[in-house]
Amino acid sequence: MDASVGRETVKRKLKSRHMQFYAIGGTIGTGLFVGIGGGLAQAGPLSLLLGYSITSVFIFSMMRCLGEMTTWIPLPGATPRFCSRFVDEALGFAVGWNQWYNCAITVCAEISAAAAVIQFWNDTISPAVWISIILVLIFIFNLIDVGIFGEVEFWFSCIKIVALVGLLILSLVIDLGGGPTHDRLGFRYWNNPGAMVEYIVKGDTGRFLGLFNAIVNAGFAFAGIEMIAVAAGETENPRHNIPKAVNRLFWRILFFYVLGTLAVGVLVPYTDDRLLNGGAGVASSPWVIGITRAGIKVLPSIINAVVLVSAASAGNALLYSGSRYLLALAEGGQAPKFLLKCTKRGVPIYCVLVTGSLAPLTYMAVSSNSARVFSWFANLVTTAALFTWCSICIAYIGFDRALRAQGINRKEELAFGGFFQPYLSWISLGFFIIVIIFNGFSVFIHGHWDVQKFVVAYVGIPIFFILFFGWKIVKKTKFRNAKEIDLDTGRQLDESTEYEEKPKNLVDRLWAWAA
């Protein structure tokens, strides 16, 4: 029986521009503003650029898989429901709770990162003040109405996009000698102190470890990128808007992540002790450090304000995503039924409150070093995100098998189709598994054992498998037969969409392209 019968459910109130900018907002958080500093300090500029570029390829491949499934069946909290339907209910249960926990912890990571940056900017005010303000705001935005949430996220994303475009342009100006000091940097820091850090050990092995560490660092920066699919159940015309968002993801990754890593790599030497996880352990955004080194006095404060907006935006989006994952679990009978309660405006109120219940963990940043707390959260989030991406690839493989077994013509019936499939999903799955296994590699090198680092790097692995095998044993679930997989329930063939007026001028065409 459909769990939505006889009760208030989520509403399709997210418009095209909400969806497109939510897609961007999910990929731009404090990982790009702050966490990238740790990657630069431990890998060097070239390794950082390569690590993010390599990870980008597999992230985009995974998102093509998710986009194809979500366009076919747009469901709220799509990933766990796809895993249950196309592979095994146990996988849906495991990834659903894993991703809920991921979102809830990432809220803490984003806000603790903001606290770390503010301490660099102003250490006279307790981080608890900033943490409290941000938490109150994101709860308000999530509890009122999904349309309000979409509008807030739209404007937050606009601020982040404008800021990042401005930072990329400013980086080019500073690099070419256009700053107050008129010092032309070029690729000076790639030569001295160097392009690749010898991480932990010397020689080529050390440089390879630095590159791999940059790949792990990128995992945190990209965490949450799959949030496009979470909003599918509340998006107008998902068969049009979801493919649009996924297709443009490539250019957004290229522009913001790849060019962003290149920019910070030419602005700041990896030996600067203000970088997160750098020599002195003082947390700061590499963008702020680069601008400060260039002699620009006012702008660093503005950038810190943007980081605050970024933290609020990411926390806002992640609280939303986590609540929808929890709702999906409840609708699938894998979470308590009281979580199905929605307000008349379509807000799953108990899901929001339960997801936000972990947010007070952020106050650990008050009693401990903010940079250290951020690092703990970042490692936990990275492992959880990697398991989610693996599960998306596995779900897609099951989806593809079902399409082939049931004789569905991909070219004729799929509104959005991937390329080089299912081979690309297998390759991406292999990459993510390798990163999961070796993400805590540093603790196994002689003289570098650290219990805390080991726990935060690997605790997610037993949690995921306990969830999977626990549900499988208790419920005696079986892997889905390709010919029996349900490819129709929830599928939208004919949608009642508003007439979209064709662009009349250049401004209209640019807006249509952006939104």
Protein backbone atom coordinates (compact mmCIF):
# COMPACT_ATOMS: atom_id res chain seq x y z
CA MET A 1 0.00 0.00 0.00
CA ASP A 2 1.24 3.49 -0.85
CA ALA A 3 2.35 5.22 2.35
CA SER A 4 1.22 8.56 0.98
CA VAL A 5 -2.48 7.61 0.83
CA GLY A 6 -4.70 9.53 3.29
CA ARG A 7 -2.05 11.92 4.56
CA GLU A 8 -0.37 15.20 3.70
CA THR A 9 2.67 14.68 1.49
CA VAL A 10 5.49 16.78 0.05
CA LYS A 11 4.50 19.29 -2.64
CA ARG A 12 6.02 20.02 -6.04
CA LYS A 13 6.93 23.64 -5.32
CA LEU A 14 10.56 23.82 -6.47
CA LYS A 15 10.71 25.71 -9.76
CA SER A 16 13.30 25.37 -12.50
CA ARG A 17 15.50 28.17 -11.16
CA HIS A 18 15.28 26.67 -7.64
CA MET A 19 16.35 23.28 -9.00
CA GLN A 20 19.25 24.61 -11.06
CA PHE A 21 20.68 26.75 -8.29
CA TYR A 22 20.03 24.04 -5.69
CA ALA A 23 22.17 21.80 -7.89
CA ILE A 24 24.96 24.38 -7.68
CA GLY A 25 24.38 25.02 -3.98
CA GLY A 26 24.85 21.33 -3.23
CA THR A 27 28.31 21.38 -4.78
CA ILE A 28 29.60 24.63 -3.30
CA GLY A 29 30.18 24.54 0.43
CA THR A 30 32.95 25.26 2.87
CA GLY A 31 34.89 22.36 1.34
CA LEU A 32 35.71 24.64 -1.60
CA PHE A 33 36.23 27.74 0.55
CA VAL A 34 38.07 26.18 3.52
CA GLY A 35 38.70 22.43 3.24
CA ILE A 36 40.65 22.93 0.05
CA GLY A 37 43.34 24.58 2.20
CA GLY A 38 44.15 21.28 3.87
CA GLY A 39 44.44 19.65 0.45
CA LEU A 40 46.87 22.34 -0.72
CA ALA A 41 49.00 22.05 2.45
CA GLN A 42 49.30 18.27 2.19
CA ALA A 43 49.44 17.77 -1.59
CA GLY A 44 50.78 20.89 -3.29
CA PRO A 45 49.21 22.86 -6.15
CA LEU A 46 49.69 20.37 -8.99
CA SER A 47 48.55 17.35 -6.96
CA LEU A 48 45.55 19.34 -5.72
CA LEU A 49 44.58 20.25 -9.29
CA LEU A 50 45.04 16.66 -10.51
CA GLY A 51 43.23 15.16 -7.52
CA TYR A 52 40.15 17.32 -7.98
CA SER A 53 40.19 16.85 -11.77
CA ILE A 54 40.39 13.05 -11.51
CA THR A 55 37.64 12.93 -8.89
CA SER A 56 35.48 15.24 -11.03
CA VAL A 57 35.44 12.71 -13.88
CA PHE A 58 34.04 9.93 -11.70
CA ILE A 59 31.63 12.24 -9.88
CA PHE A 60 30.17 13.39 -13.18
CA SER A 61 29.88 9.78 -14.37
CA MET A 62 28.04 8.82 -11.18
CA MET A 63 25.71 11.80 -11.53
CA ARG A 64 24.82 10.74 -15.09
CA CYS A 65 23.71 7.41 -13.65
CA LEU A 66 21.63 9.11 -10.96
CA GLY A 67 20.14 11.57 -13.45
CA GLU A 68 19.00 8.76 -15.72
CA MET A 69 17.21 6.90 -12.92
CA THR A 70 15.70 10.04 -11.37
CA THR A 71 14.34 11.31 -14.68
CA TRP A 72 12.66 7.93 -15.22
CA ILE A 73 11.16 7.76 -11.70
CA PRO A 74 11.31 11.10 -9.79
CA LEU A 75 10.89 10.18 -6.11
CA PRO A 76 11.66 12.12 -2.92
CA GLY A 77 14.91 10.86 -1.36
CA ALA A 78 15.52 8.93 -4.55
CA THR A 79 18.79 7.07 -3.86
CA PRO A 80 17.66 4.61 -1.12
CA ARG A 81 14.42 3.93 -2.98
CA PHE A 82 16.32 3.15 -6.19
CA CYS A 83 18.62 0.79 -4.26
CA SER A 84 15.62 -1.00 -2.74
CA ARG A 85 13.74 -1.25 -6.02
CA PHE A 86 16.58 -2.14 -8.40
CA VAL A 87 18.94 -4.16 -6.16
CA ASP A 88 17.85 -5.22 -2.66
CA GLU A 89 15.78 -3.69 0.15
CA ALA A 90 18.77 -4.20 2.44
CA LEU A 91 20.91 -1.93 0.27
CA GLY A 92 18.17 0.72 0.31
CA PHE A 93 17.99 0.51 4.09
CA ALA A 94 21.79 0.76 4.48
CA VAL A 95 22.31 3.64 2.05
CA GLY A 96 19.25 5.50 3.32
CA TRP A 97 20.43 5.58 6.91
CA ASN A 98 24.02 6.09 5.79
CA GLN A 99 23.01 9.12 3.74
CA TRP A 100 20.79 10.48 6.48
CA TYR A 101 23.70 10.26 8.89
CA ASN A 102 25.96 11.79 6.22
CA CYS A 103 23.69 14.81 5.77
CA ALA A 104 23.23 15.29 9.52
CA ILE A 105 26.98 15.17 10.16
CA THR A 106 27.77 17.40 7.18
CA VAL A 107 25.57 20.11 8.67
CA CYS A 108 27.98 20.00 11.63
CA ALA A 109 31.02 19.99 9.33
CA GLU A 110 29.86 23.03 7.39
CA ILE A 111 29.05 25.09 10.45
CA SER A 112 32.23 24.08 12.33
CA ALA A 113 34.20 25.17 9.25
CA ALA A 114 32.51 28.56 9.44
CA ALA A 115 33.46 28.76 13.13
CA ALA A 116 37.06 27.96 12.21
CA VAL A 117 37.19 30.75 9.64
CA ILE A 118 35.54 33.27 11.97
CA GLN A 119 38.13 32.51 14.65
CA PHE A 120 40.84 33.46 12.17
CA TRP A 121 38.86 36.62 11.36
CA ASN A 122 37.64 37.49 14.87
CA ASP A 123 38.63 35.40 17.87
CA THR A 124 37.07 37.72 20.47
CA ILE A 125 33.56 36.28 19.99
CA SER A 126 32.81 32.71 21.04
CA PRO A 127 32.17 30.34 18.09
CA ALA A 128 28.99 29.26 19.92
CA VAL A 129 27.37 32.58 18.98
CA TRP A 130 27.90 32.06 15.25
CA ILE A 131 26.95 28.38 15.45
CA SER A 132 23.68 29.24 17.21
CA ILE A 133 22.71 31.95 14.71
CA ILE A 134 23.27 29.69 11.70
CA LEU A 135 21.43 26.73 13.28
CA VAL A 136 18.37 28.81 14.11
CA LEU A 137 18.21 30.22 10.58
CA ILE A 138 18.44 26.90 8.77
CA PHE A 139 15.77 25.36 11.00
CA ILE A 140 13.43 28.24 10.22
CA PHE A 141 14.02 27.96 6.46
CA ASN A 142 13.36 24.21 6.50
CA LEU A 143 10.25 24.25 8.68
CA ILE A 144 8.21 26.94 6.91
CA ASP A 145 7.66 25.80 3.32
CA VAL A 146 9.69 24.05 0.62
CA GLY A 147 9.03 27.02 -1.68
CA ILE A 148 10.62 29.32 0.93
CA PHE A 149 13.52 26.88 1.23
CA GLY A 150 13.99 26.93 -2.55
CA GLU A 151 13.90 30.73 -2.65
CA VAL A 152 16.43 31.08 0.18
CA GLU A 153 18.73 28.50 -1.41
CA PHE A 154 18.40 30.29 -4.76
CA TRP A 155 19.66 33.58 -3.32
CA PHE A 156 22.33 31.91 -1.20
CA SER A 157 23.60 30.16 -4.31
CA CYS A 158 23.56 33.41 -6.27
CA ILE A 159 25.82 35.01 -3.64
CA LYS A 160 28.23 32.06 -3.72
CA ILE A 161 28.37 31.97 -7.51
CA VAL A 162 29.00 35.71 -7.81
CA ALA A 163 31.66 35.47 -5.08
CA LEU A 164 33.45 32.56 -6.73
CA VAL A 165 33.38 34.16 -10.17
CA GLY A 166 34.79 37.32 -8.59
CA LEU A 167 37.47 35.33 -6.76
CA LEU A 168 38.54 33.55 -9.94
CA ILE A 169 38.83 36.85 -11.80
CA LEU A 170 40.65 38.47 -8.86
CA SER A 171 43.03 35.51 -8.69
CA LEU A 172 43.95 36.02 -12.33
CA VAL A 173 44.48 39.76 -11.74
CA ILE A 174 46.70 39.14 -8.69
CA ASP A 175 48.61 36.39 -10.47
CA LEU A 176 49.40 38.74 -13.36
CA GLY A 177 50.61 41.51 -11.05
CA GLY A 178 47.46 43.63 -10.85
CA GLY A 179 47.30 43.70 -7.05
CA PRO A 180 48.40 46.58 -4.78
CA THR A 181 51.95 45.19 -4.60
CA HIS A 182 52.14 44.70 -8.41
CA ASP A 183 54.01 41.46 -7.77
CA ARG A 184 53.55 39.15 -10.76
CA LEU A 185 53.24 35.64 -9.30
CA GLY A 186 52.82 33.48 -12.39
CA PHE A 187 53.52 29.90 -11.31
CA ARG A 188 56.18 30.98 -8.81
CA TYR A 189 54.88 28.75 -6.03
CA TRP A 190 54.84 25.74 -8.34
CA ASN A 191 58.63 26.12 -8.57
CA ASN A 192 59.29 27.19 -4.99
CA PRO A 193 58.34 25.50 -2.67
CA GLY A 194 57.17 23.09 -5.43
CA ALA A 195 54.24 21.64 -7.35
CA MET A 196 53.87 18.36 -5.47
CA VAL A 197 54.30 17.72 -1.75
CA GLU A 198 56.22 14.65 -0.63
CA TYR A 199 53.54 13.57 1.81
CA ILE A 200 54.76 11.54 4.84
CA VAL A 201 57.56 9.79 2.88
CA LYS A 202 60.17 11.05 0.43
CA GLY A 203 60.49 10.68 -3.33
CA ASP A 204 57.95 9.56 -5.91
CA THR A 205 56.04 7.51 -3.34
CA GLY A 206 55.55 10.60 -1.21
CA ARG A 207 54.35 12.62 -4.19
CA PHE A 208 51.89 9.85 -5.12
CA LEU A 209 50.57 9.79 -1.54
CA GLY A 210 50.12 13.55 -1.73
CA LEU A 211 48.09 13.12 -4.93
CA PHE A 212 45.94 10.40 -3.38
CA ASN A 213 45.41 12.58 -0.32
CA ALA A 214 44.11 15.32 -2.65
CA ILE A 215 41.62 12.81 -4.11
CA VAL A 216 40.37 12.04 -0.59
CA ASN A 217 40.16 15.76 0.14
CA ALA A 218 38.07 16.22 -3.01
CA GLY A 219 35.66 13.59 -1.69
CA PHE A 220 34.59 15.97 1.08
CA ALA A 221 34.33 18.95 -1.27
CA PHE A 222 31.97 16.99 -3.56
CA ALA A 223 29.93 15.45 -0.73
CA GLY A 224 26.26 16.26 -1.22
CA ILE A 225 26.47 16.69 -4.97
CA GLU A 226 23.83 13.96 -5.38
CA MET A 227 21.28 16.26 -3.70
CA ILE A 228 19.83 17.05 -7.14
CA ALA A 229 17.94 13.75 -6.96
CA VAL A 230 16.70 14.36 -3.41
CA ALA A 231 14.54 17.23 -4.64
CA ALA A 232 13.03 15.22 -7.52
CA GLY A 233 9.80 14.56 -5.64
CA GLU A 234 9.26 18.28 -5.04
CA THR A 235 10.37 19.61 -8.43
CA GLU A 236 8.12 20.91 -11.16
CA ASN A 237 8.61 19.02 -14.44
CA PRO A 238 11.45 16.71 -13.27
CA ARG A 239 11.74 15.07 -16.71
CA HIS A 240 12.89 18.45 -18.02
CA ASN A 241 14.62 20.08 -15.07
CA ILE A 242 16.67 17.15 -13.73
CA PRO A 243 18.46 16.38 -17.04
CA LYS A 244 19.05 20.11 -17.41
CA ALA A 245 20.72 20.26 -13.98
CA VAL A 246 22.83 17.14 -14.54
CA ASN A 247 24.03 18.20 -18.00
CA ARG A 248 25.19 21.56 -16.70
CA LEU A 249 26.94 19.94 -13.77
CA PHE A 250 30.00 19.26 -15.95
CA TRP A 251 30.59 22.96 -16.60
CA ARG A 252 29.96 23.87 -12.98
CA ILE A 253 32.49 21.30 -11.79
CA LEU A 254 35.02 22.46 -14.36
CA PHE A 255 34.55 26.15 -13.60
CA PHE A 256 34.29 26.16 -9.82
CA TYR A 257 36.30 23.13 -8.70
CA VAL A 258 39.00 22.64 -11.30
CA LEU A 259 39.65 26.35 -11.90
CA GLY A 260 39.22 26.98 -8.17
CA THR A 261 42.01 24.56 -7.24
CA LEU A 262 44.22 26.09 -9.93
CA ALA A 263 43.55 29.58 -8.56
CA VAL A 264 44.44 28.85 -4.92
CA GLY A 265 47.50 26.93 -6.10
CA VAL A 266 48.98 30.01 -7.76
CA LEU A 267 47.98 32.43 -4.97
CA VAL A 268 49.30 30.60 -1.90
CA PRO A 269 52.39 28.43 -1.32
CA TYR A 270 51.56 25.14 0.35
CA THR A 271 54.02 26.02 3.14
CA ASP A 272 51.92 28.92 4.45
CA ASP A 273 51.28 27.99 8.09
CA ARG A 274 47.80 29.55 8.08
CA LEU A 275 46.38 26.83 5.83
CA LEU A 276 44.04 24.31 7.44
CA ASN A 277 46.19 21.36 8.61
CA GLY A 278 49.26 23.42 7.75
CA GLY A 279 52.34 23.94 9.87
CA ALA A 280 50.79 25.93 12.72
CA GLY A 281 47.37 24.33 12.41
CA VAL A 282 45.59 27.70 12.19
CA ALA A 283 42.37 27.41 10.18
CA SER A 284 41.83 29.82 7.31
CA SER A 285 40.47 29.96 3.81
CA PRO A 286 43.26 29.86 1.19
CA TRP A 287 41.32 32.55 -0.70
CA VAL A 288 41.58 34.87 2.31
CA ILE A 289 45.28 34.07 2.74
CA GLY A 290 46.00 34.74 -0.95
CA ILE A 291 44.19 38.08 -0.91
CA THR A 292 45.93 39.07 2.34
CA ARG A 293 49.33 38.17 0.86
CA ALA A 294 48.50 40.39 -2.13
CA GLY A 295 48.07 43.39 0.19
CA ILE A 296 44.31 43.83 -0.19
CA LYS A 297 42.99 44.89 3.21
CA VAL A 298 39.18 45.10 3.06
CA LEU A 299 38.32 42.15 0.84
CA PRO A 300 39.31 39.34 3.26
CA SER A 301 36.50 40.37 5.62
CA ILE A 302 34.03 40.26 2.74
CA ILE A 303 35.22 36.78 1.76
CA ASN A 304 34.76 35.59 5.33
CA ALA A 305 31.20 36.87 5.17
CA VAL A 306 30.72 34.84 1.99
CA VAL A 307 32.05 31.75 3.80
CA LEU A 308 29.39 32.34 6.46
CA VAL A 309 26.74 32.49 3.74
CA SER A 310 28.23 29.35 2.19
CA ALA A 311 28.04 27.49 5.51
CA ALA A 312 24.45 28.59 6.05
CA SER A 313 23.52 27.60 2.50
CA ALA A 314 25.17 24.18 2.68
CA GLY A 315 23.73 23.53 6.13
CA ASN A 316 20.31 24.59 4.87
CA ALA A 317 20.50 22.27 1.85
CA LEU A 318 21.85 19.34 3.86
CA LEU A 319 19.16 19.59 6.55
CA TYR A 320 16.61 19.51 3.73
CA SER A 321 18.29 16.51 2.07
CA GLY A 322 18.66 14.55 5.29
CA SER A 323 14.99 15.06 6.15
CA ARG A 324 13.92 13.81 2.70
CA TYR A 325 16.13 10.72 3.00
CA LEU A 326 14.47 10.00 6.33
CA LEU A 327 11.05 10.50 4.74
CA ALA A 328 11.97 8.07 1.96
CA LEU A 329 12.98 5.47 4.56
CA ALA A 330 9.67 5.92 6.38
CA GLU A 331 7.70 5.59 3.14
CA GLY A 332 9.56 2.36 2.44
CA GLY A 333 8.74 0.97 5.89
CA GLN A 334 12.38 1.24 6.99
CA ALA A 335 11.91 4.01 9.56
CA PRO A 336 9.21 4.78 12.17
CA LYS A 337 5.82 5.73 10.69
CA PHE A 338 5.49 8.94 12.74
CA LEU A 339 8.14 10.41 10.41
CA LEU A 340 5.56 10.38 7.59
CA LYS A 341 3.79 13.35 9.16
CA CYS A 342 3.80 16.37 6.84
CA THR A 343 2.38 19.83 7.43
CA LYS A 344 -0.26 21.30 5.13
CA ARG A 345 2.57 23.07 3.33
CA GLY A 346 4.23 19.74 2.59
CA VAL A 347 7.06 19.90 5.15
CA PRO A 348 7.94 16.53 6.82
CA ILE A 349 8.24 18.24 10.18
CA TYR A 350 9.44 15.31 12.29
CA CYS A 351 12.01 14.33 9.68
CA VAL A 352 13.45 17.84 9.80
CA LEU A 353 13.57 17.85 13.61
CA VAL A 354 15.14 14.37 13.88
CA THR A 355 17.77 15.19 11.23
CA GLY A 356 18.60 18.42 13.03
CA SER A 357 18.93 16.61 16.36
CA LEU A 358 22.63 15.92 15.64
CA ALA A 359 23.38 19.58 14.93
CA PRO A 360 24.37 20.37 18.57
CA LEU A 361 27.48 18.23 17.99
CA THR A 362 28.81 21.32 16.24
CA TYR A 363 29.37 22.89 19.66
CA MET A 364 32.37 20.58 19.99
CA ALA A 365 34.15 23.35 18.08
CA VAL A 366 33.78 25.56 21.18
CA SER A 367 35.68 23.28 23.58
CA SER A 368 38.10 21.80 21.01
CA ASN A 369 40.20 23.29 18.25
CA SER A 370 37.78 24.22 15.43
CA ALA A 371 40.17 23.06 12.73
CA ARG A 372 40.52 19.65 14.38
CA VAL A 373 36.76 19.23 14.79
CA PHE A 374 36.24 20.23 11.16
CA SER A 375 38.82 17.62 10.11
CA TRP A 376 37.00 14.88 12.10
CA PHE A 377 33.66 15.74 10.54
CA ALA A 378 35.19 15.99 7.07
CA ASN A 379 36.63 12.47 7.29
CA LEU A 380 33.35 11.00 8.54
CA VAL A 381 31.44 12.75 5.77
CA THR A 382 33.84 11.64 3.04
CA THR A 383 33.45 7.93 3.87
CA ALA A 384 29.66 8.19 4.07
CA ALA A 385 29.52 10.09 0.76
CA LEU A 386 31.68 7.49 -0.96
CA PHE A 387 29.33 4.69 0.17
CA THR A 388 26.39 6.65 -1.21
CA TRP A 389 28.13 7.09 -4.57
CA CYS A 390 28.97 3.37 -4.66
CA SER A 391 25.33 2.57 -3.96
CA ILE A 392 24.16 4.86 -6.77
CA CYS A 393 26.43 3.02 -9.22
CA ILE A 394 25.18 -0.36 -7.97
CA ALA A 395 21.55 0.79 -8.24
CA TYR A 396 22.18 1.96 -11.78
CA ILE A 397 23.69 -1.39 -12.74
CA GLY A 398 20.47 -3.04 -11.47
CA PHE A 399 18.36 -0.45 -13.33
CA ASP A 400 20.25 -1.07 -16.56
CA ARG A 401 19.86 -4.83 -16.18
CA ALA A 402 16.12 -4.38 -15.73
CA LEU A 403 15.81 -2.19 -18.83
CA ARG A 404 17.61 -4.77 -20.93
CA ALA A 405 15.75 -7.77 -19.45
CA GLN A 406 12.36 -6.12 -19.97
CA GLY A 407 13.10 -5.02 -23.53
CA ILE A 408 12.87 -1.27 -22.95
CA ASN A 409 14.50 0.75 -25.74
CA ARG A 410 16.79 3.25 -24.05
CA LYS A 411 16.99 5.65 -27.01
CA GLU A 412 13.24 5.82 -27.55
CA GLU A 413 11.83 5.71 -24.02
CA LEU A 414 14.41 7.38 -21.76
CA ALA A 415 14.02 11.15 -21.50
CA PHE A 416 17.63 11.32 -20.32
CA GLY A 417 20.20 8.70 -21.26
CA GLY A 418 23.80 8.21 -20.24
CA PHE A 419 26.68 7.26 -22.47
CA PHE A 420 29.13 4.34 -22.38
CA GLN A 421 26.82 2.57 -19.95
CA PRO A 422 26.85 0.38 -17.92
CA TYR A 423 30.64 0.29 -18.23
CA LEU A 424 31.06 3.80 -16.85
CA SER A 425 29.08 2.89 -13.74
CA TRP A 426 31.34 -0.14 -13.13
CA ILE A 427 34.49 1.97 -13.53
CA SER A 428 33.18 4.67 -11.19
CA LEU A 429 32.17 2.03 -8.64
CA GLY A 430 35.72 0.62 -8.68
CA PHE A 431 37.23 4.08 -8.15
CA PHE A 432 35.00 4.87 -5.17
CA ILE A 433 35.72 1.48 -3.55
CA ILE A 434 39.48 2.08 -3.84
CA VAL A 435 39.16 5.49 -2.16
CA ILE A 436 37.04 3.99 0.66
CA ILE A 437 39.62 1.27 1.36
CA PHE A 438 42.67 3.56 1.30
CA ASN A 439 41.25 6.88 2.52
CA GLY A 440 42.94 6.48 5.91
CA PHE A 441 46.22 5.21 4.46
CA SER A 442 48.41 7.57 6.50
CA VAL A 443 47.77 5.74 9.81
CA PHE A 444 49.28 2.53 8.42
CA ILE A 445 52.63 4.14 7.62
CA HIS A 446 55.27 3.42 10.26
CA GLY A 447 55.34 6.07 12.95
CA HIS A 448 52.04 7.70 11.93
CA TRP A 449 49.50 5.56 13.77
CA ASP A 450 46.68 7.69 15.21
CA VAL A 451 43.63 6.08 16.82
CA GLN A 452 41.36 9.08 16.22
CA LYS A 453 42.28 9.31 12.53
CA PHE A 454 41.77 5.57 12.09
CA VAL A 455 38.34 5.66 13.71
CA VAL A 456 37.01 8.64 11.71
CA ALA A 457 38.42 7.21 8.46
CA TYR A 458 37.01 3.69 8.83
CA VAL A 459 34.12 3.65 11.32
CA GLY A 460 31.72 4.22 8.41
CA ILE A 461 32.61 0.86 6.84
CA PRO A 462 31.34 -1.44 9.64
CA ILE A 463 28.33 0.85 10.17
CA PHE A 464 27.28 0.45 6.53
CA PHE A 465 27.70 -3.32 6.45
CA ILE A 466 25.99 -3.81 9.82
CA LEU A 467 23.01 -1.89 8.43
CA PHE A 468 23.03 -3.93 5.21
CA PHE A 469 23.43 -7.42 6.66
CA GLY A 470 21.29 -6.63 9.71
CA TRP A 471 18.27 -5.74 7.56
CA LYS A 472 18.96 -8.59 5.16
CA ILE A 473 19.07 -11.18 7.92
CA VAL A 474 16.11 -9.84 9.90
CA LYS A 475 13.85 -9.27 6.88
CA LYS A 476 15.28 -12.14 4.76
CA THR A 477 15.45 -9.92 1.68
CA LYS A 478 16.60 -11.15 -1.71
CA PHE A 479 18.38 -9.54 -4.61
CA ARG A 480 15.98 -8.35 -7.29
CA ASN A 481 15.41 -10.41 -10.42
CA ALA A 482 15.99 -8.17 -13.45
CA LYS A 483 12.80 -9.31 -15.17
CA GLU A 484 10.67 -8.65 -12.07
CA ILE A 485 12.00 -5.20 -11.12
CA ASP A 486 9.24 -2.58 -11.01
CA LEU A 487 10.05 0.09 -13.60
CA ASP A 488 6.60 1.70 -13.71
CA THR A 489 5.39 2.75 -10.25
CA GLY A 490 6.07 6.43 -9.75
CA ARG A 491 7.04 6.94 -13.39
CA GLN A 492 5.75 10.15 -14.94
CA LEU A 493 5.00 9.93 -18.64
CA ASP A 494 2.76 12.94 -19.13
CA GLU A 495 3.26 15.96 -16.92
CA SER A 496 1.07 18.98 -16.46
CA THR A 497 3.62 21.71 -16.94
CA GLU A 498 3.13 25.38 -17.38
CA TYR A 499 3.68 26.82 -20.79
CA GLU A 500 7.20 28.18 -21.00
CA GLU A 501 7.38 31.32 -23.08
CA LYS A 502 10.26 31.39 -25.52
CA PRO A 503 13.05 33.88 -24.78
CA LYS A 504 12.47 37.21 -26.52
CA ASN A 505 15.86 38.88 -26.07
CA LEU A 506 19.44 38.29 -24.97
CA VAL A 507 18.64 38.71 -21.25
CA ASP A 508 15.79 36.18 -21.51
CA ARG A 509 18.05 33.71 -23.33
CA LEU A 510 20.80 34.05 -20.72
CA TRP A 511 18.28 33.49 -17.90
CA ALA A 512 16.79 30.48 -19.70
CA TRP A 513 20.28 29.04 -20.02
CA ALA A 514 21.10 29.64 -16.35
CA ALA A 515 17.81 28.47 -14.88
